[in-house]
Amino acid sequence: MAQGKWVVDVDARGFQEQVVARSRRTPVLVDFWAPWCAPCRTLGPVLEKLAGQMEGKFLLAKVNSDENPDLGRKYGVRGIPAVKLFVDGRVVDEFTGALPESSVRAFLEKALPSHADRLAAQAGECETRGDLIQAGELYGRALEEDSAHPQSLLGLSRILLESGQLEDAVRFLERLPPSWLEKPEAKKIKARLAFQGADAALPPLQAAVARDPGDLGQRLALGRALVAGERYEEALEQFLEVVRRDRAFQEDAGRKAVLEVFDLLGAAHPLVSTYRARLSRLLFS
């Protein structure tokens, strides 16, 4: 039987509510065990002790695998004790066997969301509601906990960009690790920064390109101004025309600008599939 405030017994009927749904609010560590299993009797008290010591950082849900064989099959339990950590409705980490307390503690410290993670999650909720001031404060607090916290660096960069603080937005973006700079959201912010403010020069650029259609520098600048004004299709037409006239112009600047717009719009945007196909035809025809 479960013992402690942060320990519950769960069966198949309550699994969806007590584990899957609840893990969207609090991480849930599921212990698949059986009464006859000696290693389970060794591990169980360790898990219960850590659940009490960590006071709400996770809920321990104990599942009797003899009484709930369907749950074991569904989650791939092939030996017990089997321990699976649920976050946001899915298994994010797991181990099998009666690990010593030090190893279980290390597993939890690595797998559980940190305080900075939780602050960043709250900040994201504030962003969704449009409360950018509170979101910025929470991201800042997360960075006080972990100065390299990538989710918070990205969030602050996004908020600073929205408020027009471009240099600060760049500063936080540049602190991201390389792997995070390749994420779609980081690429989108980089693209927005690249085009920010260019729309102020739109009328003279339009006139310049009309006077001399072969001036690819002006045409490229016109495309950037159109992106800054959120006139994406017109911008893509200008960039493709640069590619058509001179693929090598300014070290492939036309193609690179098209890809920056793709990053800005996101892969699901209908313009991306259309213009990706057109770019391919230009490059490989």
C-alpha atoms as a PDB file:
ATOM      1  CA  MET A   1       0.000   0.000   0.000  1.00  0.00           C
ATOM      2  CA  ALA A   2       1.103   3.541  -0.740  1.00  0.00           C
ATOM      3  CA  GLN A   3       2.460   5.550   2.157  1.00  0.00           C
ATOM      4  CA  GLY A   4       2.957   9.296   2.264  1.00  0.00           C
ATOM      5  CA  LYS A   5       1.423  12.517   0.956  1.00  0.00           C
ATOM      6  CA  TRP A   6       3.164  12.237  -2.413  1.00  0.00           C
ATOM      7  CA  VAL A   7       2.500   8.520  -2.989  1.00  0.00           C
ATOM      8  CA  VAL A   8      -0.671   6.965  -4.458  1.00  0.00           C
ATOM      9  CA  ASP A   9      -1.802   3.514  -5.552  1.00  0.00           C
ATOM     10  CA  VAL A  10      -3.092   3.554  -9.134  1.00  0.00           C
ATOM     11  CA  ASP A  11      -4.978   0.957 -11.180  1.00  0.00           C
ATOM     12  CA  ALA A  12      -6.061   0.822 -14.816  1.00  0.00           C
ATOM     13  CA  ARG A  13      -9.301   2.708 -14.142  1.00  0.00           C
ATOM     14  CA  GLY A  14      -7.556   5.677 -12.551  1.00  0.00           C
ATOM     15  CA  PHE A  15      -4.392   5.736 -14.641  1.00  0.00           C
ATOM     16  CA  GLN A  16      -5.559   8.284 -17.203  1.00  0.00           C
ATOM     17  CA  GLU A  17      -6.638  10.792 -14.559  1.00  0.00           C
ATOM     18  CA  GLN A  18      -4.048  10.164 -11.847  1.00  0.00           C
ATOM     19  CA  VAL A  19      -1.002   9.715 -14.086  1.00  0.00           C
ATOM     20  CA  VAL A  20      -1.473  10.960 -17.646  1.00  0.00           C
ATOM     21  CA  ALA A  21      -3.658  13.993 -16.900  1.00  0.00           C
ATOM     22  CA  ARG A  22      -1.967  14.864 -13.617  1.00  0.00           C
ATOM     23  CA  SER A  23       1.486  14.763 -15.222  1.00  0.00           C
ATOM     24  CA  ARG A  24       0.502  17.869 -17.182  1.00  0.00           C
ATOM     25  CA  ARG A  25       0.627  19.729 -13.850  1.00  0.00           C
ATOM     26  CA  THR A  26       3.174  17.724 -11.822  1.00  0.00           C
ATOM     27  CA  PRO A  27       5.679  15.060 -12.953  1.00  0.00           C
ATOM     28  CA  VAL A  28       4.439  11.565 -12.069  1.00  0.00           C
ATOM     29  CA  LEU A  29       6.876   8.722 -11.387  1.00  0.00           C
ATOM     30  CA  VAL A  30       5.175   5.355 -11.981  1.00  0.00           C
ATOM     31  CA  ASP A  31       6.539   2.304 -10.158  1.00  0.00           C
ATOM     32  CA  PHE A  32       5.402  -0.994 -11.723  1.00  0.00           C
ATOM     33  CA  TRP A  33       5.844  -3.607  -8.990  1.00  0.00           C
ATOM     34  CA  ALA A  34       4.431  -6.900  -7.647  1.00  0.00           C
ATOM     35  CA  PRO A  35       4.142  -8.322  -4.118  1.00  0.00           C
ATOM     36  CA  TRP A  36       6.314 -11.376  -4.917  1.00  0.00           C
ATOM     37  CA  CYS A  37       9.167  -9.297  -6.400  1.00  0.00           C
ATOM     38  CA  ALA A  38      12.092  -8.975  -3.963  1.00  0.00           C
ATOM     39  CA  PRO A  39      13.830  -6.132  -5.877  1.00  0.00           C
ATOM     40  CA  CYS A  40      10.500  -4.271  -5.837  1.00  0.00           C
ATOM     41  CA  ARG A  41      10.439  -4.479  -2.048  1.00  0.00           C
ATOM     42  CA  THR A  42      13.944  -2.988  -2.027  1.00  0.00           C
ATOM     43  CA  LEU A  43      13.229  -0.156  -4.457  1.00  0.00           C
ATOM     44  CA  GLY A  44       9.750   0.789  -3.243  1.00  0.00           C
ATOM     45  CA  PRO A  45      10.814   2.316   0.096  1.00  0.00           C
ATOM     46  CA  VAL A  46      13.603   4.253  -1.657  1.00  0.00           C
ATOM     47  CA  LEU A  47      11.117   5.814  -4.076  1.00  0.00           C
ATOM     48  CA  GLU A  48       8.685   6.637  -1.267  1.00  0.00           C
ATOM     49  CA  LYS A  49      11.466   8.210   0.800  1.00  0.00           C
ATOM     50  CA  LEU A  50      12.574  10.427  -2.094  1.00  0.00           C
ATOM     51  CA  ALA A  51       8.983  11.416  -2.889  1.00  0.00           C
ATOM     52  CA  GLY A  52       8.647  12.649   0.686  1.00  0.00           C
ATOM     53  CA  GLN A  53      12.001  14.418   0.721  1.00  0.00           C
ATOM     54  CA  MET A  54      11.348  16.220  -2.565  1.00  0.00           C
ATOM     55  CA  GLU A  55       7.956  17.428  -1.287  1.00  0.00           C
ATOM     56  CA  GLY A  56       5.911  17.769  -4.439  1.00  0.00           C
ATOM     57  CA  LYS A  57       8.549  17.850  -7.147  1.00  0.00           C
ATOM     58  CA  PHE A  58       6.917  14.629  -8.309  1.00  0.00           C
ATOM     59  CA  LEU A  59       4.066  12.291  -7.422  1.00  0.00           C
ATOM     60  CA  LEU A  60       4.897   8.606  -6.985  1.00  0.00           C
ATOM     61  CA  ALA A  61       2.197   6.360  -8.502  1.00  0.00           C
ATOM     62  CA  LYS A  62       2.489   2.662  -7.604  1.00  0.00           C
ATOM     63  CA  VAL A  63       0.980   0.162 -10.058  1.00  0.00           C
ATOM     64  CA  ASN A  64       0.612  -3.515  -9.087  1.00  0.00           C
ATOM     65  CA  SER A  65       1.595  -5.168 -12.373  1.00  0.00           C
ATOM     66  CA  ASP A  66      -0.091  -8.471 -11.424  1.00  0.00           C
ATOM     67  CA  GLU A  67      -3.435  -6.721 -11.014  1.00  0.00           C
ATOM     68  CA  ASN A  68      -2.971  -4.402 -14.022  1.00  0.00           C
ATOM     69  CA  PRO A  69      -1.259  -6.460 -16.747  1.00  0.00           C
ATOM     70  CA  ASP A  70      -2.775  -4.375 -19.556  1.00  0.00           C
ATOM     71  CA  LEU A  71      -1.010  -1.251 -18.266  1.00  0.00           C
ATOM     72  CA  GLY A  72       2.280  -3.110 -18.198  1.00  0.00           C
ATOM     73  CA  ARG A  73       1.836  -4.261 -21.789  1.00  0.00           C
ATOM     74  CA  LYS A  74       0.754  -0.799 -22.959  1.00  0.00           C
ATOM     75  CA  TYR A  75       3.871   0.840 -21.527  1.00  0.00           C
ATOM     76  CA  GLY A  76       6.333  -1.870 -22.510  1.00  0.00           C
ATOM     77  CA  VAL A  77       7.078  -3.310 -19.073  1.00  0.00           C
ATOM     78  CA  ARG A  78       9.202  -6.422 -19.599  1.00  0.00           C
ATOM     79  CA  GLY A  79      10.662  -6.757 -16.122  1.00  0.00           C
ATOM     80  CA  ILE A  80       9.984  -5.311 -12.682  1.00  0.00           C
ATOM     81  CA  PRO A  81      10.540  -3.107 -10.896  1.00  0.00           C
ATOM     82  CA  ALA A  82      10.042  -0.789 -13.879  1.00  0.00           C
ATOM     83  CA  VAL A  83       9.976   2.949 -13.206  1.00  0.00           C
ATOM     84  CA  LYS A  84       8.690   5.448 -15.779  1.00  0.00           C
ATOM     85  CA  LEU A  85       8.564   9.231 -15.456  1.00  0.00           C
ATOM     86  CA  PHE A  86       5.543  10.950 -17.014  1.00  0.00           C
ATOM     87  CA  VAL A  87       5.658  14.656 -17.904  1.00  0.00           C
ATOM     88  CA  ASP A  88       3.018  16.403 -20.022  1.00  0.00           C
ATOM     89  CA  GLY A  89       1.146  13.157 -20.538  1.00  0.00           C
ATOM     90  CA  ARG A  90       3.981  11.001 -21.852  1.00  0.00           C
ATOM     91  CA  VAL A  91       6.955   8.955 -20.681  1.00  0.00           C
ATOM     92  CA  VAL A  92      10.094  11.104 -20.783  1.00  0.00           C
ATOM     93  CA  ASP A  93      12.547   8.809 -18.963  1.00  0.00           C
ATOM     94  CA  GLU A  94      12.656   5.405 -17.272  1.00  0.00           C
ATOM     95  CA  PHE A  95      14.777   2.719 -15.655  1.00  0.00           C
ATOM     96  CA  THR A  96      14.429  -0.936 -14.704  1.00  0.00           C
ATOM     97  CA  GLY A  97      15.731  -2.718 -11.625  1.00  0.00           C
ATOM     98  CA  ALA A  98      16.384  -1.883  -7.984  1.00  0.00           C
ATOM     99  CA  LEU A  99      18.887   0.949  -8.316  1.00  0.00           C
ATOM    100  CA  PRO A 100      20.598   2.238  -5.157  1.00  0.00           C
ATOM    101  CA  GLU A 101      19.248   5.433  -3.633  1.00  0.00           C
ATOM    102  CA  SER A 102      22.113   7.550  -4.972  1.00  0.00           C
ATOM    103  CA  SER A 103      21.404   6.406  -8.538  1.00  0.00           C
ATOM    104  CA  VAL A 104      17.661   6.999  -8.198  1.00  0.00           C
ATOM    105  CA  ARG A 105      18.314  10.475  -6.809  1.00  0.00           C
ATOM    106  CA  ALA A 106      20.658  11.227  -9.724  1.00  0.00           C
ATOM    107  CA  PHE A 107      18.017   9.974 -12.168  1.00  0.00           C
ATOM    108  CA  LEU A 108      15.396  12.277 -10.647  1.00  0.00           C
ATOM    109  CA  GLU A 109      17.667  15.315 -10.505  1.00  0.00           C
ATOM    110  CA  LYS A 110      18.482  14.853 -14.191  1.00  0.00           C
ATOM    111  CA  ALA A 111      14.977  14.022 -15.394  1.00  0.00           C
ATOM    112  CA  LEU A 112      12.715  16.253 -13.301  1.00  0.00           C
ATOM    113  CA  PRO A 113      12.023  19.816 -14.433  1.00  0.00           C
ATOM    114  CA  SER A 114      14.269  22.275 -12.582  1.00  0.00           C
ATOM    115  CA  HIS A 115      13.068  25.407 -10.819  1.00  0.00           C
ATOM    116  CA  ALA A 116      14.219  27.358 -13.877  1.00  0.00           C
ATOM    117  CA  ASP A 117      12.154  25.029 -16.086  1.00  0.00           C
ATOM    118  CA  ARG A 118       9.049  25.676 -13.993  1.00  0.00           C
ATOM    119  CA  LEU A 119       9.583  29.453 -14.039  1.00  0.00           C
ATOM    120  CA  ALA A 120      10.035  29.363 -17.816  1.00  0.00           C
ATOM    121  CA  ALA A 121       6.844  27.331 -18.194  1.00  0.00           C
ATOM    122  CA  GLN A 122       4.949  29.953 -16.175  1.00  0.00           C
ATOM    123  CA  ALA A 123       6.514  32.663 -18.341  1.00  0.00           C
ATOM    124  CA  GLY A 124       5.325  30.874 -21.465  1.00  0.00           C
ATOM    125  CA  GLU A 125       1.773  30.831 -20.113  1.00  0.00           C
ATOM    126  CA  CYS A 126       2.011  34.583 -19.471  1.00  0.00           C
ATOM    127  CA  GLU A 127       3.245  35.118 -23.035  1.00  0.00           C
ATOM    128  CA  THR A 128       0.275  33.171 -24.371  1.00  0.00           C
ATOM    129  CA  ARG A 129      -2.066  35.448 -22.408  1.00  0.00           C
ATOM    130  CA  GLY A 130      -0.257  38.532 -23.749  1.00  0.00           C
ATOM    131  CA  ASP A 131       1.243  39.531 -20.380  1.00  0.00           C
ATOM    132  CA  LEU A 132       4.744  40.200 -21.686  1.00  0.00           C
ATOM    133  CA  ILE A 133       5.886  42.183 -18.645  1.00  0.00           C
ATOM    134  CA  GLN A 134       5.192  39.314 -16.250  1.00  0.00           C
ATOM    135  CA  ALA A 135       6.630  36.830 -18.752  1.00  0.00           C
ATOM    136  CA  GLY A 136       9.857  38.827 -18.980  1.00  0.00           C
ATOM    137  CA  GLU A 137      10.163  38.961 -15.188  1.00  0.00           C
ATOM    138  CA  LEU A 138       9.698  35.189 -14.915  1.00  0.00           C
ATOM    139  CA  TYR A 139      12.228  34.469 -17.656  1.00  0.00           C
ATOM    140  CA  GLY A 140      14.634  36.781 -15.833  1.00  0.00           C
ATOM    141  CA  ARG A 141      14.126  34.893 -12.562  1.00  0.00           C
ATOM    142  CA  ALA A 142      14.739  31.619 -14.392  1.00  0.00           C
ATOM    143  CA  LEU A 143      18.045  32.985 -15.687  1.00  0.00           C
ATOM    144  CA  GLU A 144      19.007  33.955 -12.134  1.00  0.00           C
ATOM    145  CA  GLU A 145      18.597  30.250 -11.282  1.00  0.00           C
ATOM    146  CA  ASP A 146      20.400  29.073 -14.433  1.00  0.00           C
ATOM    147  CA  SER A 147      22.189  31.729 -16.487  1.00  0.00           C
ATOM    148  CA  ALA A 148      22.382  29.403 -19.509  1.00  0.00           C
ATOM    149  CA  HIS A 149      18.740  28.241 -19.413  1.00  0.00           C
ATOM    150  CA  PRO A 150      17.963  28.052 -23.158  1.00  0.00           C
ATOM    151  CA  GLN A 151      14.174  28.271 -22.976  1.00  0.00           C
ATOM    152  CA  SER A 152      14.444  31.495 -20.968  1.00  0.00           C
ATOM    153  CA  LEU A 153      17.115  32.992 -23.226  1.00  0.00           C
ATOM    154  CA  LEU A 154      14.873  32.311 -26.199  1.00  0.00           C
ATOM    155  CA  GLY A 155      11.795  33.679 -24.443  1.00  0.00           C
ATOM    156  CA  LEU A 156      13.507  36.904 -23.402  1.00  0.00           C
ATOM    157  CA  SER A 157      14.880  37.381 -26.899  1.00  0.00           C
ATOM    158  CA  ARG A 158      11.361  37.004 -28.277  1.00  0.00           C
ATOM    159  CA  ILE A 159       9.889  39.509 -25.801  1.00  0.00           C
ATOM    160  CA  LEU A 160      12.662  42.054 -26.376  1.00  0.00           C
ATOM    161  CA  LEU A 161      12.109  41.782 -30.114  1.00  0.00           C
ATOM    162  CA  GLU A 162       8.386  42.445 -29.647  1.00  0.00           C
ATOM    163  CA  SER A 163       9.184  45.551 -27.597  1.00  0.00           C
ATOM    164  CA  GLY A 164      11.664  46.863 -30.176  1.00  0.00           C
ATOM    165  CA  GLN A 165      14.799  46.326 -28.056  1.00  0.00           C
ATOM    166  CA  LEU A 166      16.684  44.760 -30.925  1.00  0.00           C
ATOM    167  CA  GLU A 167      20.239  44.884 -29.555  1.00  0.00           C
ATOM    168  CA  ASP A 168      19.176  43.215 -26.309  1.00  0.00           C
ATOM    169  CA  ALA A 169      17.201  40.611 -28.266  1.00  0.00           C
ATOM    170  CA  VAL A 170      20.330  39.757 -30.255  1.00  0.00           C
ATOM    171  CA  ARG A 171      22.413  39.613 -27.072  1.00  0.00           C
ATOM    172  CA  PHE A 172      20.181  36.965 -25.476  1.00  0.00           C
ATOM    173  CA  LEU A 173      19.810  35.032 -28.718  1.00  0.00           C
ATOM    174  CA  GLU A 174      23.597  34.812 -29.113  1.00  0.00           C
ATOM    175  CA  ARG A 175      23.854  33.134 -25.699  1.00  0.00           C
ATOM    176  CA  LEU A 176      21.887  30.114 -26.920  1.00  0.00           C
ATOM    177  CA  PRO A 177      23.811  26.871 -27.472  1.00  0.00           C
ATOM    178  CA  PRO A 178      24.273  25.888 -31.146  1.00  0.00           C
ATOM    179  CA  SER A 179      21.666  23.120 -30.952  1.00  0.00           C
ATOM    180  CA  TRP A 180      19.014  25.615 -29.820  1.00  0.00           C
ATOM    181  CA  LEU A 181      19.907  28.084 -32.572  1.00  0.00           C
ATOM    182  CA  GLU A 182      18.745  25.422 -35.027  1.00  0.00           C
ATOM    183  CA  LYS A 183      15.280  25.203 -33.473  1.00  0.00           C
ATOM    184  CA  PRO A 184      12.445  26.710 -35.572  1.00  0.00           C
ATOM    185  CA  GLU A 185      11.578  29.359 -32.968  1.00  0.00           C
ATOM    186  CA  ALA A 186      15.182  30.589 -32.767  1.00  0.00           C
ATOM    187  CA  LYS A 187      15.427  30.680 -36.559  1.00  0.00           C
ATOM    188  CA  LYS A 188      12.193  32.670 -36.667  1.00  0.00           C
ATOM    189  CA  ILE A 189      13.553  35.262 -34.231  1.00  0.00           C
ATOM    190  CA  LYS A 190      16.826  35.502 -36.176  1.00  0.00           C
ATOM    191  CA  ALA A 191      14.887  36.068 -39.382  1.00  0.00           C
ATOM    192  CA  ARG A 192      12.687  38.743 -37.802  1.00  0.00           C
ATOM    193  CA  LEU A 193      15.773  40.514 -36.480  1.00  0.00           C
ATOM    194  CA  ALA A 194      17.378  40.395 -39.915  1.00  0.00           C
ATOM    195  CA  PHE A 195      14.413  42.139 -41.527  1.00  0.00           C
ATOM    196  CA  GLN A 196      13.414  44.450 -38.656  1.00  0.00           C
ATOM    197  CA  GLY A 197      12.997  48.118 -39.582  1.00  0.00           C
ATOM    198  CA  ALA A 198      13.714  47.702 -43.286  1.00  0.00           C
ATOM    199  CA  ASP A 199      10.190  48.763 -44.337  1.00  0.00           C
ATOM    200  CA  ALA A 200      11.023  52.450 -43.700  1.00  0.00           C
ATOM    201  CA  ALA A 201      12.900  52.499 -47.026  1.00  0.00           C
ATOM    202  CA  LEU A 202      10.140  50.834 -49.071  1.00  0.00           C
ATOM    203  CA  PRO A 203       8.976  53.685 -51.414  1.00  0.00           C
ATOM    204  CA  PRO A 204      12.442  54.757 -52.627  1.00  0.00           C
ATOM    205  CA  LEU A 205      13.457  51.119 -53.116  1.00  0.00           C
ATOM    206  CA  GLN A 206      10.382  50.439 -55.215  1.00  0.00           C
ATOM    207  CA  ALA A 207      11.234  53.457 -57.354  1.00  0.00           C
ATOM    208  CA  ALA A 208      14.869  52.384 -57.709  1.00  0.00           C
ATOM    209  CA  VAL A 209      13.963  48.872 -58.872  1.00  0.00           C
ATOM    210  CA  ALA A 210      11.415  50.288 -61.316  1.00  0.00           C
ATOM    211  CA  ARG A 211      14.126  52.514 -62.814  1.00  0.00           C
ATOM    212  CA  ASP A 212      16.714  49.745 -63.038  1.00  0.00           C
ATOM    213  CA  PRO A 213      15.322  46.190 -62.774  1.00  0.00           C
ATOM    214  CA  GLY A 214      18.827  44.786 -63.081  1.00  0.00           C
ATOM    215  CA  ASP A 215      20.098  46.453 -59.898  1.00  0.00           C
ATOM    216  CA  LEU A 216      20.071  43.322 -57.747  1.00  0.00           C
ATOM    217  CA  GLY A 217      21.341  45.105 -54.646  1.00  0.00           C
ATOM    218  CA  GLN A 218      18.309  47.386 -54.672  1.00  0.00           C
ATOM    219  CA  ARG A 219      16.014  44.463 -55.502  1.00  0.00           C
ATOM    220  CA  LEU A 220      17.375  42.490 -52.562  1.00  0.00           C
ATOM    221  CA  ALA A 221      16.882  45.497 -50.284  1.00  0.00           C
ATOM    222  CA  LEU A 222      13.331  45.882 -51.615  1.00  0.00           C
ATOM    223  CA  GLY A 223      12.601  42.270 -50.733  1.00  0.00           C
ATOM    224  CA  ARG A 224      13.846  42.830 -47.188  1.00  0.00           C
ATOM    225  CA  ALA A 225      11.702  45.941 -46.850  1.00  0.00           C
ATOM    226  CA  LEU A 226       8.666  43.969 -48.014  1.00  0.00           C
ATOM    227  CA  VAL A 227       9.361  41.264 -45.417  1.00  0.00           C
ATOM    228  CA  ALA A 228       9.601  43.908 -42.688  1.00  0.00           C
ATOM    229  CA  GLY A 229       6.183  45.143 -43.818  1.00  0.00           C
ATOM    230  CA  GLU A 230       4.873  41.538 -43.667  1.00  0.00           C
ATOM    231  CA  ARG A 231       4.311  41.467 -47.432  1.00  0.00           C
ATOM    232  CA  TYR A 232       5.872  38.046 -47.680  1.00  0.00           C
ATOM    233  CA  GLU A 233       4.712  36.871 -51.085  1.00  0.00           C
ATOM    234  CA  GLU A 234       5.885  40.071 -52.778  1.00  0.00           C
ATOM    235  CA  ALA A 235       9.210  39.737 -50.976  1.00  0.00           C
ATOM    236  CA  LEU A 236       9.664  36.152 -52.105  1.00  0.00           C
ATOM    237  CA  GLU A 237       9.031  37.224 -55.691  1.00  0.00           C
ATOM    238  CA  GLN A 238      11.854  39.773 -55.411  1.00  0.00           C
ATOM    239  CA  PHE A 239      14.266  37.263 -53.891  1.00  0.00           C
ATOM    240  CA  LEU A 240      13.461  34.652 -56.538  1.00  0.00           C
ATOM    241  CA  GLU A 241      14.077  37.247 -59.230  1.00  0.00           C
ATOM    242  CA  VAL A 242      17.534  37.859 -57.744  1.00  0.00           C
ATOM    243  CA  VAL A 243      18.204  34.105 -57.913  1.00  0.00           C
ATOM    244  CA  ARG A 244      16.898  33.941 -61.489  1.00  0.00           C
ATOM    245  CA  ARG A 245      19.085  36.837 -62.676  1.00  0.00           C
ATOM    246  CA  ASP A 246      22.283  35.896 -60.801  1.00  0.00           C
ATOM    247  CA  ARG A 247      22.439  32.896 -58.490  1.00  0.00           C
ATOM    248  CA  ALA A 248      25.897  33.927 -57.204  1.00  0.00           C
ATOM    249  CA  PHE A 249      24.988  37.548 -56.425  1.00  0.00           C
ATOM    250  CA  GLN A 250      26.439  38.594 -53.036  1.00  0.00           C
ATOM    251  CA  GLU A 251      27.374  35.006 -52.202  1.00  0.00           C
ATOM    252  CA  ASP A 252      23.973  33.481 -52.939  1.00  0.00           C
ATOM    253  CA  ALA A 253      22.085  36.248 -51.113  1.00  0.00           C
ATOM    254  CA  GLY A 254      18.823  35.710 -52.997  1.00  0.00           C
ATOM    255  CA  ARG A 255      18.513  32.046 -52.047  1.00  0.00           C
ATOM    256  CA  LYS A 256      19.570  32.737 -48.462  1.00  0.00           C
ATOM    257  CA  ALA A 257      16.913  35.452 -48.161  1.00  0.00           C
ATOM    258  CA  VAL A 258      14.244  33.029 -49.385  1.00  0.00           C
ATOM    259  CA  LEU A 259      15.299  30.526 -46.709  1.00  0.00           C
ATOM    260  CA  GLU A 260      15.195  33.242 -44.033  1.00  0.00           C
ATOM    261  CA  VAL A 261      11.590  33.978 -44.991  1.00  0.00           C
ATOM    262  CA  PHE A 262      10.809  30.258 -44.753  1.00  0.00           C
ATOM    263  CA  ASP A 263      12.245  30.265 -41.211  1.00  0.00           C
ATOM    264  CA  LEU A 264      10.148  33.305 -40.370  1.00  0.00           C
ATOM    265  CA  LEU A 265       6.889  31.845 -41.688  1.00  0.00           C
ATOM    266  CA  GLY A 266       7.370  28.285 -40.440  1.00  0.00           C
ATOM    267  CA  ALA A 267       7.188  25.054 -42.420  1.00  0.00           C
ATOM    268  CA  ALA A 268       3.379  24.814 -42.228  1.00  0.00           C
ATOM    269  CA  HIS A 269       2.739  28.157 -43.958  1.00  0.00           C
ATOM    270  CA  PRO A 270       1.250  27.638 -47.456  1.00  0.00           C
ATOM    271  CA  LEU A 271       3.692  30.085 -49.056  1.00  0.00           C
ATOM    272  CA  VAL A 272       6.619  27.947 -47.930  1.00  0.00           C
ATOM    273  CA  SER A 273       5.652  24.841 -49.891  1.00  0.00           C
ATOM    274  CA  THR A 274       4.783  26.907 -52.975  1.00  0.00           C
ATOM    275  CA  TYR A 275       7.981  28.920 -53.026  1.00  0.00           C
ATOM    276  CA  ARG A 276      10.194  26.018 -51.982  1.00  0.00           C
ATOM    277  CA  ALA A 277       9.064  24.236 -55.133  1.00  0.00           C
ATOM    278  CA  ARG A 278       9.672  27.338 -57.246  1.00  0.00           C
ATOM    279  CA  LEU A 279      13.121  27.832 -55.736  1.00  0.00           C
ATOM    280  CA  SER A 280      14.010  24.205 -56.484  1.00  0.00           C
ATOM    281  CA  ARG A 281      12.942  24.599 -60.100  1.00  0.00           C
ATOM    282  CA  LEU A 282      15.121  27.699 -60.438  1.00  0.00           C
ATOM    283  CA  LEU A 283      18.145  26.053 -58.861  1.00  0.00           C
ATOM    284  CA  PHE A 284      17.980  22.747 -60.697  1.00  0.00           C
ATOM    285  CA  SER A 285      16.484  23.628 -64.074  1.00  0.00           C
END
